[in-house]
Amino acid sequence: MKGSLEAIRFLTILPVGRGVGQPDATMLPWFPAVGLLIGGLWMGFDHVISRDLPLTLRAALDVMFLVVITGGLHLDGLADTADGLFSHRGRDETMRIMQDSRTGTWGVLALLAVLGLKVVALYEILFKGDAQLLILIPIYGRMAMLMGIVVLPYGRGEEGIGHLLFQSGRKAGVLAPGVLLLGLGTIILLDGAGSWTANGVFVGTVALILLRYRSLLGCVTGDMLGALGETVETVILIVLAGC
């Protein structure tokens, strides 16, 4: 249970795990389960506000709920990663830019694009009466982060808390719970074609982003994992809106 409480506390703002120590690799198998928890809370929040609000406002508030419950952690990583990777500088300078707490033009544009696309895609999903699909989105996002940890080395040595997740955690076995959750979830909530499409796009998107990370920097950081998760969530929302 120690890893589960650490994962919840690390990935959300939920007040659990008082007295739990530093995050480490024991939390990694719990990432998809925390995604399921976030998805369940997200779906519950949408159900509460669905009675009195028009779809446009409902979709916007749903996206804001997702931002709040995660503490904006992954959006911060998205902005920093966009500033660094789109600076077209060398590896060392890119890493330095990503570590800068200030948000530049590319970071702002990335935030606007992701949040805007999420609202629009979510509107389409809600319009079709498919609010139950919200439970899948955070699982995909956390599974993507987990795949990044397994596939690429950490790029900042022992700086920050990110390196703690990579110590003894880069084993493919930690992916098994997430594969099971996504497999069952898509079978239950999507038809055959929709399940194959969503999972195929998920694997392809993660592979393309990680290949890009490898070619540019040869590693991954906490910010880059957050950017990966946010991008995957957005892409899957768009796919589900079109299913």
Protein backbone atom coordinates (compact mmCIF):
# COMPACT_ATOMS: atom_id res chain seq x y z
CA MET A 1 0.00 0.00 0.00
CA LYS A 2 2.94 2.33 0.55
CA GLY A 3 3.52 2.74 -3.17
CA SER A 4 -0.16 3.37 -3.85
CA LEU A 5 -0.40 6.20 -1.33
CA GLU A 6 2.80 7.75 -2.63
CA ALA A 7 1.48 7.57 -6.20
CA ILE A 8 -1.78 9.28 -5.24
CA ARG A 9 0.03 12.00 -3.34
CA PHE A 10 2.58 12.49 -6.12
CA LEU A 11 0.11 12.62 -9.03
CA THR A 12 -2.83 14.42 -7.38
CA ILE A 13 -3.65 16.98 -4.73
CA LEU A 14 -5.74 14.47 -2.76
CA PRO A 15 -4.86 14.61 0.96
CA VAL A 16 -3.67 11.04 1.50
CA GLY A 17 -0.51 9.39 2.74
CA ARG A 18 0.42 11.71 5.59
CA GLY A 19 3.90 10.84 6.72
CA VAL A 20 4.75 8.93 3.56
CA GLY A 21 8.37 9.35 2.49
CA GLN A 22 9.97 10.47 -0.74
CA PRO A 23 8.46 9.17 -3.99
CA ASP A 24 10.35 6.23 -5.44
CA ALA A 25 10.00 3.40 -7.93
CA THR A 26 7.58 1.46 -5.69
CA MET A 27 4.82 3.82 -6.82
CA LEU A 28 5.24 3.14 -10.55
CA PRO A 29 2.92 0.10 -10.90
CA TRP A 30 0.21 2.25 -9.29
CA PHE A 31 0.33 5.04 -11.87
CA PRO A 32 -2.49 3.59 -14.04
CA ALA A 33 -4.61 2.90 -10.94
CA VAL A 34 -4.23 6.53 -9.91
CA GLY A 35 -5.32 7.41 -13.44
CA LEU A 36 -8.42 5.29 -12.85
CA LEU A 37 -9.06 7.13 -9.58
CA ILE A 38 -8.70 10.51 -11.28
CA GLY A 39 -10.97 9.36 -14.11
CA GLY A 40 -13.62 8.20 -11.68
CA LEU A 41 -13.57 11.50 -9.80
CA TRP A 42 -13.62 13.38 -13.11
CA MET A 43 -16.65 11.45 -14.30
CA GLY A 44 -18.37 12.06 -10.97
CA PHE A 45 -17.70 15.79 -11.17
CA ASP A 46 -19.11 15.89 -14.69
CA HIS A 47 -22.24 14.08 -13.52
CA VAL A 48 -22.79 16.64 -10.76
CA ILE A 49 -22.49 19.68 -13.04
CA SER A 50 -24.32 18.11 -15.99
CA ARG A 51 -27.75 18.89 -14.57
CA ASP A 52 -27.59 22.66 -14.68
CA LEU A 53 -24.94 23.76 -17.18
CA PRO A 54 -24.81 24.01 -20.98
CA LEU A 55 -22.37 21.67 -22.73
CA THR A 56 -19.76 24.31 -23.58
CA LEU A 57 -19.39 25.47 -19.98
CA ARG A 58 -19.58 21.89 -18.74
CA ALA A 59 -16.68 20.85 -20.98
CA ALA A 60 -14.59 23.84 -19.88
CA LEU A 61 -15.21 23.17 -16.19
CA ASP A 62 -14.43 19.48 -16.67
CA VAL A 63 -11.03 20.38 -18.11
CA MET A 64 -10.39 22.80 -15.26
CA PHE A 65 -11.27 20.07 -12.77
CA LEU A 66 -8.63 17.83 -14.32
CA VAL A 67 -6.07 20.64 -14.04
CA VAL A 68 -6.93 21.29 -10.39
CA ILE A 69 -6.95 17.68 -9.20
CA THR A 70 -3.47 17.13 -10.65
CA GLY A 71 -2.19 20.42 -9.25
CA GLY A 72 -1.25 21.60 -12.74
CA LEU A 73 1.90 19.49 -12.42
CA HIS A 74 1.84 18.06 -15.93
CA LEU A 75 0.85 21.34 -17.58
CA ASP A 76 3.89 22.97 -16.02
CA GLY A 77 6.00 20.20 -17.55
CA LEU A 78 4.30 20.70 -20.91
CA ALA A 79 5.12 24.42 -20.95
CA ASP A 80 8.75 23.90 -19.91
CA THR A 81 9.23 21.11 -22.45
CA ALA A 82 7.73 23.15 -25.28
CA ASP A 83 10.00 26.08 -24.47
CA GLY A 84 13.05 23.81 -24.50
CA LEU A 85 12.38 21.55 -27.47
CA PHE A 86 11.11 24.29 -29.76
CA SER A 87 14.06 26.53 -28.98
CA HIS A 88 16.09 24.51 -31.53
CA ARG A 89 19.20 24.77 -29.37
CA GLY A 90 21.78 22.18 -28.44
CA ARG A 91 21.16 19.55 -25.78
CA ASP A 92 22.70 21.43 -22.86
CA GLU A 93 20.94 24.69 -23.68
CA THR A 94 17.63 22.88 -24.19
CA MET A 95 17.96 21.24 -20.78
CA ARG A 96 18.78 24.60 -19.22
CA ILE A 97 15.73 26.26 -20.81
CA MET A 98 13.45 23.51 -19.54
CA GLN A 99 14.79 24.02 -16.03
CA ASP A 100 13.99 27.75 -16.16
CA SER A 101 10.83 28.46 -14.14
CA ARG A 102 9.78 31.23 -16.52
CA THR A 103 7.32 30.35 -19.29
CA GLY A 104 8.15 31.51 -22.82
CA THR A 105 6.14 31.90 -26.00
CA TRP A 106 6.23 28.22 -26.97
CA GLY A 107 5.15 27.22 -23.49
CA VAL A 108 2.13 29.54 -23.59
CA LEU A 109 1.17 28.34 -27.06
CA ALA A 110 1.42 24.70 -25.97
CA LEU A 111 -0.81 25.34 -22.97
CA LEU A 112 -3.41 27.16 -25.07
CA ALA A 113 -3.38 24.42 -27.72
CA VAL A 114 -3.74 21.53 -25.27
CA LEU A 115 -6.40 23.14 -23.09
CA GLY A 116 -8.36 24.41 -26.09
CA LEU A 117 -8.29 21.07 -27.88
CA LYS A 118 -9.30 19.25 -24.71
CA VAL A 119 -12.35 21.49 -24.24
CA VAL A 120 -13.46 21.13 -27.87
CA ALA A 121 -12.93 17.36 -27.97
CA LEU A 122 -14.64 16.91 -24.62
CA TYR A 123 -17.60 18.94 -25.85
CA GLU A 124 -18.04 16.48 -28.73
CA ILE A 125 -17.80 13.49 -26.38
CA LEU A 126 -20.40 14.96 -24.01
CA PHE A 127 -22.65 15.95 -26.91
CA LYS A 128 -22.74 12.29 -27.97
CA GLY A 129 -23.63 11.22 -24.43
CA ASP A 130 -20.35 9.38 -23.90
CA ALA A 131 -19.33 10.93 -20.57
CA GLN A 132 -18.35 7.48 -19.27
CA LEU A 133 -15.29 7.64 -21.53
CA LEU A 134 -13.77 10.26 -19.22
CA ILE A 135 -12.64 7.47 -16.93
CA LEU A 136 -10.19 6.22 -19.59
CA ILE A 137 -8.35 9.46 -20.36
CA PRO A 138 -6.23 9.81 -17.18
CA ILE A 139 -5.28 6.13 -17.38
CA TYR A 140 -3.83 6.69 -20.85
CA GLY A 141 -1.94 9.75 -19.62
CA ARG A 142 -0.31 8.01 -16.65
CA MET A 143 0.42 4.91 -18.69
CA ALA A 144 2.27 7.09 -21.19
CA MET A 145 4.43 8.55 -18.41
CA LEU A 146 5.19 5.07 -17.16
CA MET A 147 6.28 3.99 -20.64
CA GLY A 148 8.60 7.00 -20.80
CA ILE A 149 10.24 5.94 -17.54
CA VAL A 150 10.71 2.37 -18.76
CA VAL A 151 12.06 3.25 -22.21
CA LEU A 152 14.36 6.27 -21.70
CA PRO A 153 17.03 7.10 -19.10
CA TYR A 154 16.64 10.03 -16.76
CA GLY A 155 18.45 13.12 -18.00
CA ARG A 156 19.23 15.13 -14.86
CA GLY A 157 21.40 12.83 -12.79
CA GLU A 158 20.33 13.16 -9.17
CA GLU A 159 18.74 16.59 -9.50
CA GLY A 160 15.18 16.96 -8.26
CA ILE A 161 12.93 14.08 -7.23
CA GLY A 162 12.53 12.66 -10.73
CA HIS A 163 15.59 10.42 -10.47
CA LEU A 164 14.00 8.57 -7.55
CA LEU A 165 11.37 7.16 -9.91
CA PHE A 166 14.05 5.67 -12.17
CA GLN A 167 15.92 3.77 -9.47
CA SER A 168 15.08 0.09 -10.03
CA GLY A 169 11.91 1.19 -11.80
CA ARG A 170 12.86 0.73 -15.44
CA LYS A 171 11.42 -2.75 -15.81
CA ALA A 172 8.77 -3.63 -18.37
CA GLY A 173 6.84 -5.54 -15.69
CA VAL A 174 5.58 -2.29 -14.15
CA LEU A 175 3.49 -1.79 -17.30
CA ALA A 176 1.36 -4.90 -16.70
CA PRO A 177 -1.30 -3.30 -14.42
CA GLY A 178 -1.81 -0.47 -16.91
CA VAL A 179 -2.10 -2.83 -19.86
CA LEU A 180 -4.73 -4.79 -17.95
CA LEU A 181 -6.69 -1.67 -16.96
CA LEU A 182 -6.69 -0.24 -20.47
CA GLY A 183 -7.54 -3.58 -22.01
CA LEU A 184 -10.55 -4.11 -19.77
CA GLY A 185 -11.61 -0.48 -19.90
CA THR A 186 -11.62 -0.21 -23.67
CA ILE A 187 -13.37 -3.57 -24.07
CA ILE A 188 -16.13 -2.49 -21.68
CA LEU A 189 -16.58 1.12 -22.84
CA LEU A 190 -15.74 0.97 -26.55
CA ASP A 191 -16.76 -1.26 -29.42
CA GLY A 192 -14.16 -3.40 -31.14
CA ALA A 193 -13.16 -0.84 -33.75
CA GLY A 194 -13.06 1.98 -31.21
CA SER A 195 -10.89 -0.05 -28.84
CA TRP A 196 -8.38 -0.95 -31.55
CA THR A 197 -8.30 2.64 -32.79
CA ALA A 198 -7.81 4.25 -29.37
CA ASN A 199 -5.12 1.80 -28.28
CA GLY A 200 -3.36 1.87 -31.63
CA VAL A 201 -3.24 5.68 -31.66
CA PHE A 202 -2.04 5.62 -28.04
CA VAL A 203 0.88 3.31 -28.78
CA GLY A 204 1.77 5.21 -31.95
CA THR A 205 1.66 8.63 -30.24
CA VAL A 206 3.81 7.50 -27.31
CA ALA A 207 6.31 5.84 -29.66
CA LEU A 208 6.64 8.94 -31.85
CA ILE A 209 7.13 11.28 -28.89
CA LEU A 210 9.67 9.03 -27.19
CA LEU A 211 11.57 8.60 -30.45
CA ARG A 212 11.64 12.39 -30.75
CA TYR A 213 12.90 12.72 -27.19
CA ARG A 214 15.60 10.16 -27.89
CA SER A 215 16.74 11.82 -31.11
CA LEU A 216 16.91 15.31 -29.59
CA LEU A 217 18.15 14.67 -26.06
CA GLY A 218 18.67 10.94 -25.62
CA CYS A 219 16.81 11.01 -22.32
CA VAL A 220 13.68 12.09 -20.51
CA THR A 221 13.02 14.42 -17.57
CA GLY A 222 10.08 14.96 -15.24
CA ASP A 223 8.92 17.89 -17.36
CA MET A 224 9.08 15.77 -20.51
CA LEU A 225 7.03 13.03 -18.85
CA GLY A 226 4.38 15.60 -17.94
CA ALA A 227 4.35 16.88 -21.52
CA LEU A 228 4.01 13.31 -22.78
CA GLY A 229 1.04 12.65 -20.52
CA GLU A 230 -0.75 15.88 -21.47
CA THR A 231 -0.19 15.32 -25.18
CA VAL A 232 -1.43 11.74 -25.04
CA GLU A 233 -4.56 12.76 -23.10
CA THR A 234 -5.32 15.38 -25.73
CA VAL A 235 -4.79 13.02 -28.65
CA ILE A 236 -6.97 10.31 -27.08
CA LEU A 237 -9.73 12.82 -26.36
CA ILE A 238 -9.66 13.84 -30.02
CA VAL A 239 -9.79 10.18 -31.12
CA LEU A 240 -12.69 9.37 -28.81
CA ALA A 241 -14.54 12.48 -29.98
CA GLY A 242 -14.37 11.11 -33.50
CA CYS A 243 -15.32 7.51 -32.68
